[in-house]
Amino acid sequence: MNSMKTRILFTSAFASFSAAVLAAGGSIADKPQGFRFFNQHLTVKPYVSVSYTYDSNIDTTHKAGADSIFCVNPGADFEWRGDRWSLGGTLWYRWNSYAKNNGNMGESSYGESLAYKWTTSRPDEKGWSLMIGERYAFINQSDGLDTRSGRGIWRDRQSFDINGVLERRFTERWHADLMGQYNWLDYKNDTGKYAPLYGWSEWAIGAEAGYAASVWTDILIAGGYSDYTQHGGHGYRNYSNDSHVWTVQGGLATRATEKISYRVLMGASWLDYGGRSNADVGWTYSLSGNWRITRQLQWSALGSSYYQPSERTRGQAVKVYSLSTGVSYLTLGDKMTLSGNIALRHEEVVYSDRYLGSGNNYDEDFLSARIGANYTLNRWMSIFANLMWEEEWCEKHDNYDYHRFRGTVGVRFHY
């Protein structure tokens, strides 16, 4: 799926901030060690990746144009651990060189992220926990937004996100969370010949309460409020740039089992968009699951639904439904990781300005499938390969449909 549309649903619980990854086995000497400082509390792991990618549709448009892309990606990951806290992050830079389209696409991307965690006790005991995450990225990309070749979906863009969760565990069974986040997305629209894309900003607050009836059953209820502002002027045809969303959900989760964790919430959300009593009401969901089938094999799933302003049309809002699942497998003495996933995404226009006409009121579906392999040669070098297939279908505009294939091979130097 498209990274510009990746969202964190504000009603996600405390556990959703932790990424489920496959535990690596094998010899410690075969894995990157990094540089250690301050009595081993701070670890910095630098890396440089060099890769080649063949992309069959660089603009993600109906009339596909292929190209070869050479990429150099230096960066560094770090983690600083205390007694009951940790601070982790990454800093990265990516330079792309295109064989055919380097003049208008061969620019740089860069970004950073931070994650802070603090707790006073174990997750299933009475106490406090705090998580704060922050991320910034400038992503270089070009597209062909015109009616002749169909709409591409990429554009140079900047994004900034910050979110936090404060959890109080009153007893071993009762707990409650307070959540907040701010997101900002901005597009570069000075290309002149292409239609504009509209970024937006959002702030959101939420709360959740739960009762752990058993090891397998954590009963949850959650609610939240979001305020969005679509970028690009001060209203359109007397419609406001602001929209508001209220959400209420309930469901089940588990937080204490060794091999299986899950979280399923369902409910309703209300959208008030445009400042002129334009409302939409619909069901909403948030789900995640992880199953460590064996030490080497792991399965995971993730899904959510939410509202957001349209990135293509002023005076319009979109409801998004997403679902993905994947597997990860360690083999060859735990040196090789094989992975595969499939993702579905449905977008529907829930409000369309009558001045824009019915042609702007359409739904779109996206399907992507990926397989990948990573082999660690030693603590200094890894090799990797990935294949991706993506399809898009537009309800009313066949010339917006596209398919895309990307294949990547590369080597990663690390310490």
Protein backbone atom coordinates (compact mmCIF):
# COMPACT_ATOMS: atom_id res chain seq x y z
CA MET A 1 0.00 0.00 0.00
CA ASN A 2 1.01 3.60 -0.42
CA SER A 3 3.12 4.98 2.37
CA MET A 4 1.52 8.42 2.15
CA LYS A 5 -1.79 6.88 3.19
CA THR A 6 -0.53 4.79 6.04
CA ARG A 7 -2.33 5.87 9.23
CA ILE A 8 -2.31 5.08 12.92
CA LEU A 9 -5.90 4.77 14.17
CA PHE A 10 -6.10 6.93 17.31
CA THR A 11 -8.16 4.33 19.16
CA SER A 12 -5.24 1.88 19.02
CA ALA A 13 -4.33 0.57 22.45
CA PHE A 14 -1.07 0.59 24.31
CA ALA A 15 -0.02 -2.77 22.86
CA SER A 16 -0.39 -1.49 19.28
CA PHE A 17 2.73 0.65 19.67
CA SER A 18 4.90 -2.49 19.93
CA ALA A 19 5.94 -4.03 16.59
CA ALA A 20 5.69 -7.82 16.41
CA VAL A 21 8.94 -9.16 15.00
CA LEU A 22 10.41 -12.61 14.71
CA ALA A 23 13.01 -13.36 17.38
CA ALA A 24 16.39 -14.09 15.84
CA GLY A 25 18.33 -17.16 16.92
CA GLY A 26 21.71 -18.47 15.90
CA SER A 27 25.14 -17.29 16.91
CA ILE A 28 25.44 -13.76 18.34
CA ALA A 29 28.75 -13.36 16.53
CA ASP A 30 26.97 -13.69 13.17
CA LYS A 31 24.73 -10.65 13.79
CA PRO A 32 25.42 -6.89 13.78
CA GLN A 33 26.80 -5.77 17.15
CA GLY A 34 26.95 -2.01 16.69
CA PHE A 35 29.00 0.46 18.69
CA ARG A 36 28.36 0.53 22.44
CA PHE A 37 28.72 3.53 24.73
CA PHE A 38 28.03 4.52 28.37
CA ASN A 39 28.67 1.13 29.95
CA GLN A 40 26.88 -0.75 27.17
CA HIS A 41 23.59 1.15 27.70
CA LEU A 42 23.69 2.92 24.30
CA THR A 43 24.01 0.86 21.10
CA VAL A 44 24.41 2.49 17.66
CA LYS A 45 24.18 0.30 14.54
CA PRO A 46 25.16 2.08 11.29
CA TYR A 47 24.42 0.58 7.88
CA VAL A 48 24.59 1.27 4.14
CA SER A 49 22.35 -0.51 1.62
CA VAL A 50 22.98 -0.58 -2.14
CA SER A 51 20.19 -1.94 -4.36
CA TYR A 52 18.79 -2.23 -7.86
CA THR A 53 15.03 -2.10 -8.59
CA TYR A 54 13.06 -2.72 -11.76
CA ASP A 55 9.72 -0.88 -11.65
CA SER A 56 7.18 -1.63 -14.40
CA ASN A 57 5.06 1.45 -13.61
CA ILE A 58 7.00 4.26 -11.95
CA ASP A 59 4.05 6.70 -12.11
CA THR A 60 1.37 4.19 -10.97
CA THR A 61 -0.78 5.19 -13.94
CA HIS A 62 -2.94 3.39 -16.50
CA LYS A 63 -0.36 3.88 -19.25
CA ALA A 64 2.62 2.33 -17.51
CA GLY A 65 6.19 3.47 -17.99
CA ALA A 66 9.03 1.24 -16.76
CA ASP A 67 12.42 2.22 -15.41
CA SER A 68 15.44 0.90 -13.54
CA ILE A 69 16.36 2.49 -10.21
CA PHE A 70 19.71 2.39 -8.42
CA CYS A 71 19.56 3.26 -4.73
CA VAL A 72 22.08 4.06 -2.00
CA ASN A 73 20.59 4.14 1.52
CA PRO A 74 22.88 4.97 4.49
CA GLY A 75 21.48 5.23 8.00
CA ALA A 76 21.85 4.31 11.64
CA ASP A 77 19.64 2.70 14.28
CA PHE A 78 20.19 3.30 17.99
CA GLU A 79 18.82 2.16 21.34
CA TRP A 80 19.53 3.57 24.79
CA ARG A 81 18.27 1.46 27.69
CA GLY A 82 17.82 2.38 31.32
CA ASP A 83 16.41 0.41 34.25
CA ARG A 84 12.75 0.99 33.33
CA TRP A 85 12.97 3.07 30.18
CA SER A 86 14.33 2.92 26.65
CA LEU A 87 14.86 5.39 23.82
CA GLY A 88 15.23 4.09 20.28
CA GLY A 89 15.34 5.65 16.86
CA THR A 90 16.71 5.75 13.37
CA LEU A 91 18.18 8.32 10.99
CA TRP A 92 18.23 7.58 7.25
CA TYR A 93 18.97 9.04 3.82
CA ARG A 94 18.07 7.59 0.40
CA TRP A 95 19.46 8.59 -3.00
CA ASN A 96 17.77 7.22 -6.14
CA SER A 97 19.16 7.32 -9.66
CA TYR A 98 16.79 6.49 -12.54
CA ALA A 99 18.06 5.09 -15.82
CA LYS A 100 15.47 6.94 -17.95
CA ASN A 101 13.78 9.54 -15.74
CA ASN A 102 16.56 10.82 -13.52
CA GLY A 103 16.03 14.43 -14.62
CA ASN A 104 12.66 14.75 -12.90
CA MET A 105 12.78 11.90 -10.36
CA GLY A 106 16.41 11.48 -9.26
CA GLU A 107 16.24 13.36 -5.99
CA SER A 108 16.92 12.48 -2.37
CA SER A 109 14.68 11.36 0.47
CA TYR A 110 15.49 11.46 4.18
CA GLY A 111 13.89 11.06 7.57
CA GLU A 112 14.16 10.14 11.23
CA SER A 113 12.09 8.56 13.98
CA LEU A 114 12.19 8.29 17.79
CA ALA A 115 10.36 6.08 20.28
CA TYR A 116 10.46 6.47 24.07
CA LYS A 117 9.11 3.86 26.52
CA TRP A 118 8.88 4.05 30.29
CA THR A 119 7.21 1.77 32.83
CA THR A 120 7.13 1.26 36.59
CA SER A 121 6.23 -2.45 36.52
CA ARG A 122 5.67 -5.51 34.35
CA PRO A 123 2.84 -5.24 31.77
CA ASP A 124 0.47 -7.45 33.78
CA GLU A 125 1.11 -5.76 37.14
CA LYS A 126 -0.13 -2.60 38.84
CA GLY A 127 1.74 0.49 37.67
CA TRP A 128 2.23 3.18 35.03
CA SER A 129 3.54 3.07 31.45
CA LEU A 130 4.25 5.81 28.92
CA MET A 131 5.05 5.61 25.21
CA ILE A 132 5.88 8.55 22.92
CA GLY A 133 6.68 8.21 19.23
CA GLU A 134 7.80 10.78 16.66
CA ARG A 135 8.58 10.54 12.94
CA TYR A 136 9.51 12.93 10.13
CA ALA A 137 10.12 12.12 6.45
CA PHE A 138 10.70 13.96 3.19
CA ILE A 139 9.84 11.55 0.37
CA ASN A 140 10.87 12.31 -3.20
CA GLN A 141 8.56 10.98 -5.88
CA SER A 142 6.98 12.20 -9.11
CA ASP A 143 3.82 11.19 -10.91
CA GLY A 144 1.70 11.86 -13.97
CA LEU A 145 -1.52 13.40 -12.70
CA ASP A 146 -3.32 14.03 -15.97
CA THR A 147 -6.50 12.81 -17.66
CA ARG A 148 -4.69 11.20 -20.59
CA SER A 149 -2.80 8.54 -18.68
CA GLY A 150 -4.89 8.21 -15.53
CA ARG A 151 -4.15 9.51 -12.08
CA GLY A 152 -0.89 8.64 -10.42
CA ILE A 153 -0.80 8.88 -6.65
CA TRP A 154 2.72 10.02 -5.78
CA ARG A 155 4.14 13.50 -5.29
CA ASP A 156 7.09 14.96 -3.35
CA ARG A 157 5.78 15.24 0.18
CA GLN A 158 6.68 15.90 3.80
CA SER A 159 5.08 14.24 6.79
CA PHE A 160 5.39 14.63 10.55
CA ASP A 161 3.71 12.50 13.21
CA ILE A 162 3.86 12.48 16.99
CA ASN A 163 1.79 10.28 19.27
CA GLY A 164 1.67 9.19 22.87
CA VAL A 165 -0.07 6.76 25.22
CA LEU A 166 -0.22 6.94 29.01
CA GLU A 167 -1.47 3.77 30.68
CA ARG A 168 -2.46 3.17 34.29
CA ARG A 169 -2.87 -0.40 35.54
CA PHE A 170 -4.96 -0.04 38.71
CA THR A 171 -4.84 -3.76 39.53
CA GLU A 172 -3.76 -6.89 37.67
CA ARG A 173 -7.14 -6.79 35.90
CA TRP A 174 -8.29 -3.14 35.59
CA HIS A 175 -6.44 -0.67 33.36
CA ALA A 176 -7.05 2.56 31.41
CA ASP A 177 -5.22 4.55 28.70
CA LEU A 178 -5.12 8.16 27.55
CA MET A 179 -3.95 8.71 23.95
CA GLY A 180 -3.09 11.69 21.77
CA GLN A 181 -1.52 12.31 18.38
CA TYR A 182 -0.78 14.96 15.77
CA ASN A 183 -0.23 14.25 12.06
CA TRP A 184 0.83 16.63 9.28
CA LEU A 185 1.09 15.87 5.55
CA ASP A 186 2.13 18.37 2.87
CA TYR A 187 2.60 17.95 -0.91
CA LYS A 188 4.88 19.79 -3.31
CA ASN A 189 2.48 21.25 -5.89
CA ASP A 190 4.71 23.65 -7.87
CA THR A 191 5.20 21.29 -10.82
CA GLY A 192 2.92 23.49 -12.93
CA LYS A 193 1.60 20.89 -15.37
CA TYR A 194 0.07 18.42 -12.90
CA ALA A 195 -3.13 18.60 -10.90
CA PRO A 196 -2.54 19.49 -7.23
CA LEU A 197 -2.69 17.12 -4.29
CA TYR A 198 -4.02 18.31 -0.94
CA GLY A 199 -2.29 17.56 2.32
CA TRP A 200 -3.91 17.86 5.71
CA SER A 201 -3.22 18.05 9.41
CA GLU A 202 -4.94 16.27 12.28
CA TRP A 203 -4.94 16.26 16.03
CA ALA A 204 -6.71 13.54 17.97
CA ILE A 205 -7.39 12.44 21.55
CA GLY A 206 -8.76 9.17 22.85
CA ALA A 207 -9.30 7.05 25.93
CA GLU A 208 -9.65 3.35 26.59
CA ALA A 209 -10.60 1.22 29.60
CA GLY A 210 -10.24 -2.52 30.01
CA TYR A 211 -10.83 -5.44 32.34
CA ALA A 212 -8.65 -8.56 32.01
CA ALA A 213 -11.19 -11.27 32.75
CA SER A 214 -8.62 -13.99 31.99
CA VAL A 215 -5.26 -14.57 30.34
CA TRP A 216 -7.08 -14.84 27.00
CA THR A 217 -9.76 -12.17 27.43
CA ASP A 218 -9.25 -8.47 28.00
CA ILE A 219 -12.60 -6.65 27.64
CA LEU A 220 -12.10 -3.17 26.12
CA ILE A 221 -14.11 -0.04 25.44
CA ALA A 222 -12.60 2.98 23.66
CA GLY A 223 -13.60 6.36 22.30
CA GLY A 224 -11.93 9.28 20.57
CA TYR A 225 -12.22 12.59 18.74
CA SER A 226 -10.27 13.84 15.70
CA ASP A 227 -10.07 17.29 14.12
CA TYR A 228 -8.81 17.51 10.50
CA THR A 229 -7.85 20.51 8.36
CA GLN A 230 -7.41 20.10 4.62
CA HIS A 231 -4.54 22.17 3.22
CA GLY A 232 -4.81 24.47 0.22
CA GLY A 233 -6.71 27.68 0.91
CA HIS A 234 -9.47 28.96 3.14
CA GLY A 235 -12.51 26.97 2.11
CA TYR A 236 -13.89 25.92 -1.25
CA ARG A 237 -17.24 27.12 -2.65
CA ASN A 238 -18.27 28.24 0.86
CA TYR A 239 -17.26 24.89 2.40
CA SER A 240 -14.94 24.78 5.39
CA ASN A 241 -11.54 23.06 5.33
CA ASP A 242 -12.26 21.51 8.72
CA SER A 243 -13.83 18.16 9.58
CA HIS A 244 -14.51 16.35 12.84
CA VAL A 245 -14.79 12.65 13.67
CA TRP A 246 -16.15 10.95 16.81
CA THR A 247 -15.53 7.23 17.33
CA VAL A 248 -16.77 4.66 19.88
CA GLN A 249 -15.52 1.06 19.88
CA GLY A 250 -15.64 -2.05 22.02
CA GLY A 251 -13.96 -5.43 21.79
CA LEU A 252 -11.57 -8.04 23.12
CA ALA A 253 -7.81 -8.48 23.40
CA THR A 254 -5.14 -10.53 25.14
CA ARG A 255 -1.89 -9.31 26.63
CA ALA A 256 -0.41 -12.13 28.68
CA THR A 257 -0.02 -15.21 26.47
CA GLU A 258 3.38 -16.34 25.23
CA LYS A 259 2.59 -17.29 21.62
CA ILE A 260 -0.69 -15.63 20.67
CA SER A 261 -1.75 -12.01 21.00
CA TYR A 262 -4.79 -10.38 19.43
CA ARG A 263 -6.85 -7.20 19.55
CA VAL A 264 -10.26 -6.74 17.93
CA LEU A 265 -12.35 -3.58 18.32
CA MET A 266 -15.53 -2.65 16.43
CA GLY A 267 -17.90 0.27 16.70
CA ALA A 268 -19.25 3.35 14.96
CA SER A 269 -17.84 6.68 13.79
CA TRP A 270 -19.49 9.99 12.89
CA LEU A 271 -18.00 12.44 10.37
CA ASP A 272 -18.97 16.13 10.27
CA TYR A 273 -17.31 17.58 7.16
CA GLY A 274 -17.28 20.94 5.40
CA GLY A 275 -19.03 23.00 8.06
CA ARG A 276 -22.46 22.77 6.38
CA SER A 277 -24.08 19.80 8.13
CA ASN A 278 -22.41 17.30 5.79
CA ALA A 279 -22.44 14.16 7.92
CA ASP A 280 -21.65 10.49 7.44
CA VAL A 281 -22.13 7.68 9.94
CA GLY A 282 -20.65 4.22 9.54
CA TRP A 283 -19.17 1.22 11.30
CA THR A 284 -15.46 1.13 12.09
CA TYR A 285 -12.93 -1.45 13.21
CA SER A 286 -9.38 -1.85 14.48
CA LEU A 287 -7.70 -5.25 14.66
CA SER A 288 -4.27 -6.81 15.07
CA GLY A 289 -3.03 -10.30 15.76
CA ASN A 290 0.22 -12.20 16.12
CA TRP A 291 0.80 -15.96 16.40
CA ARG A 292 4.25 -17.41 17.00
CA ILE A 293 3.48 -20.83 15.56
CA THR A 294 7.01 -22.12 16.17
CA ARG A 295 10.27 -20.43 17.09
CA GLN A 296 10.99 -19.96 13.38
CA LEU A 297 7.47 -19.35 12.01
CA GLN A 298 5.25 -16.36 12.81
CA TRP A 299 1.93 -15.06 11.43
CA SER A 300 0.51 -11.55 11.85
CA ALA A 301 -2.52 -9.53 10.75
CA LEU A 302 -3.48 -5.85 10.90
CA GLY A 303 -6.53 -3.83 9.87
CA SER A 304 -8.37 -0.56 10.50
CA SER A 305 -10.95 1.84 9.10
CA TYR A 306 -11.04 5.62 9.41
CA TYR A 307 -12.04 8.92 7.79
CA GLN A 308 -9.67 11.46 6.29
CA PRO A 309 -9.87 14.48 3.93
CA SER A 310 -9.49 13.67 0.25
CA GLU A 311 -5.95 14.13 -1.08
CA ARG A 312 -7.19 14.62 -4.66
CA THR A 313 -10.30 16.81 -4.45
CA ARG A 314 -11.15 19.92 -2.44
CA GLY A 315 -14.38 19.82 -0.47
CA GLN A 316 -14.39 16.03 -0.20
CA ALA A 317 -13.76 13.32 2.40
CA VAL A 318 -12.80 9.64 2.14
CA LYS A 319 -13.54 6.54 4.24
CA VAL A 320 -10.70 3.99 4.21
CA TYR A 321 -10.91 0.25 4.99
CA SER A 322 -7.66 -1.75 5.15
CA LEU A 323 -6.65 -5.32 5.97
CA SER A 324 -3.28 -7.08 5.68
CA THR A 325 -1.75 -10.39 6.74
CA GLY A 326 1.71 -11.91 6.48
CA VAL A 327 4.07 -14.67 7.54
CA SER A 328 7.75 -14.72 8.50
CA TYR A 329 10.04 -17.78 8.59
CA LEU A 330 13.61 -18.28 9.82
CA THR A 331 15.71 -20.95 8.09
CA LEU A 332 19.29 -21.93 7.12
CA GLY A 333 20.57 -21.83 10.65
CA ASP A 334 18.52 -18.73 11.44
CA LYS A 335 20.56 -16.72 8.92
CA MET A 336 17.78 -16.37 6.34
CA THR A 337 14.39 -14.74 6.90
CA LEU A 338 11.66 -15.44 4.35
CA SER A 339 8.55 -13.27 4.44
CA GLY A 340 5.34 -12.76 2.53
CA ASN A 341 2.25 -10.58 2.93
CA ILE A 342 -0.89 -9.50 1.16
CA ALA A 343 -2.79 -6.25 1.73
CA LEU A 344 -6.23 -4.98 0.72
CA ARG A 345 -7.43 -1.38 0.80
CA HIS A 346 -10.83 0.08 -0.11
CA GLU A 347 -11.49 3.82 -0.36
CA GLU A 348 -14.94 5.30 -0.78
CA VAL A 349 -15.99 8.92 -1.16
CA VAL A 350 -18.47 9.70 1.61
CA TYR A 351 -19.14 13.30 0.62
CA SER A 352 -18.87 14.96 -2.79
CA ASP A 353 -19.38 18.65 -3.54
CA ARG A 354 -22.36 18.93 -5.90
CA TYR A 355 -20.46 21.57 -7.92
CA LEU A 356 -17.80 18.98 -8.76
CA GLY A 357 -20.23 16.58 -10.41
CA SER A 358 -20.82 12.87 -9.92
CA GLY A 359 -17.56 12.00 -11.68
CA ASN A 360 -15.68 12.84 -8.49
CA ASN A 361 -17.80 10.47 -6.41
CA TYR A 362 -16.14 7.10 -6.93
CA ASP A 363 -14.64 4.20 -4.96
CA GLU A 364 -11.22 2.60 -5.44
CA ASP A 365 -9.73 -0.77 -4.46
CA PHE A 366 -6.07 -1.65 -4.03
CA LEU A 367 -4.44 -5.07 -3.75
CA SER A 368 -0.75 -5.69 -3.16
CA ALA A 369 1.29 -8.85 -2.57
CA ARG A 370 4.94 -9.06 -1.52
CA ILE A 371 7.53 -11.77 -0.94
CA GLY A 372 11.03 -11.18 0.35
CA ALA A 373 14.21 -12.85 1.56
CA ASN A 374 17.07 -11.58 3.71
CA TYR A 375 20.26 -13.60 4.29
CA THR A 376 22.84 -12.56 6.89
CA LEU A 377 26.27 -13.56 5.62
CA ASN A 378 28.03 -12.34 8.77
CA ARG A 379 27.98 -9.43 11.19
CA TRP A 380 29.14 -7.07 8.43
CA MET A 381 27.02 -8.00 5.40
CA SER A 382 23.53 -9.15 4.36
CA ILE A 383 21.92 -9.69 0.98
CA PHE A 384 18.22 -9.24 0.23
CA ALA A 385 15.63 -9.57 -2.54
CA ASN A 386 11.96 -8.50 -2.77
CA LEU A 387 9.13 -8.90 -5.27
CA MET A 388 5.92 -6.84 -5.22
CA TRP A 389 2.74 -6.88 -7.32
CA GLU A 390 0.09 -4.14 -7.03
CA GLU A 391 -3.32 -3.65 -8.67
CA GLU A 392 -5.79 -0.77 -8.50
CA TRP A 393 -9.41 -0.64 -9.68
CA CYS A 394 -11.48 2.54 -9.92
CA GLU A 395 -15.27 2.27 -9.94
CA LYS A 396 -16.04 4.95 -12.55
CA HIS A 397 -12.73 5.68 -14.29
CA ASP A 398 -11.12 2.77 -16.12
CA ASN A 399 -8.20 4.99 -17.12
CA TYR A 400 -7.29 5.30 -13.42
CA ASP A 401 -6.79 1.51 -13.15
CA TYR A 402 -3.21 0.30 -13.12
CA HIS A 403 -0.99 -2.66 -12.29
CA ARG A 404 2.60 -2.56 -11.16
CA PHE A 405 5.51 -4.95 -10.60
CA ARG A 406 8.66 -4.14 -8.64
CA GLY A 407 11.67 -6.38 -8.14
CA THR A 408 14.61 -5.43 -5.92
CA VAL A 409 17.98 -7.03 -5.15
CA GLY A 410 20.62 -5.52 -2.91
CA VAL A 411 23.36 -5.81 -0.35
CA ARG A 412 23.45 -4.24 3.10
CA PHE A 413 26.66 -3.46 4.98
CA HIS A 414 26.27 -3.17 8.74
CA TYR A 415 28.27 -3.35 11.95
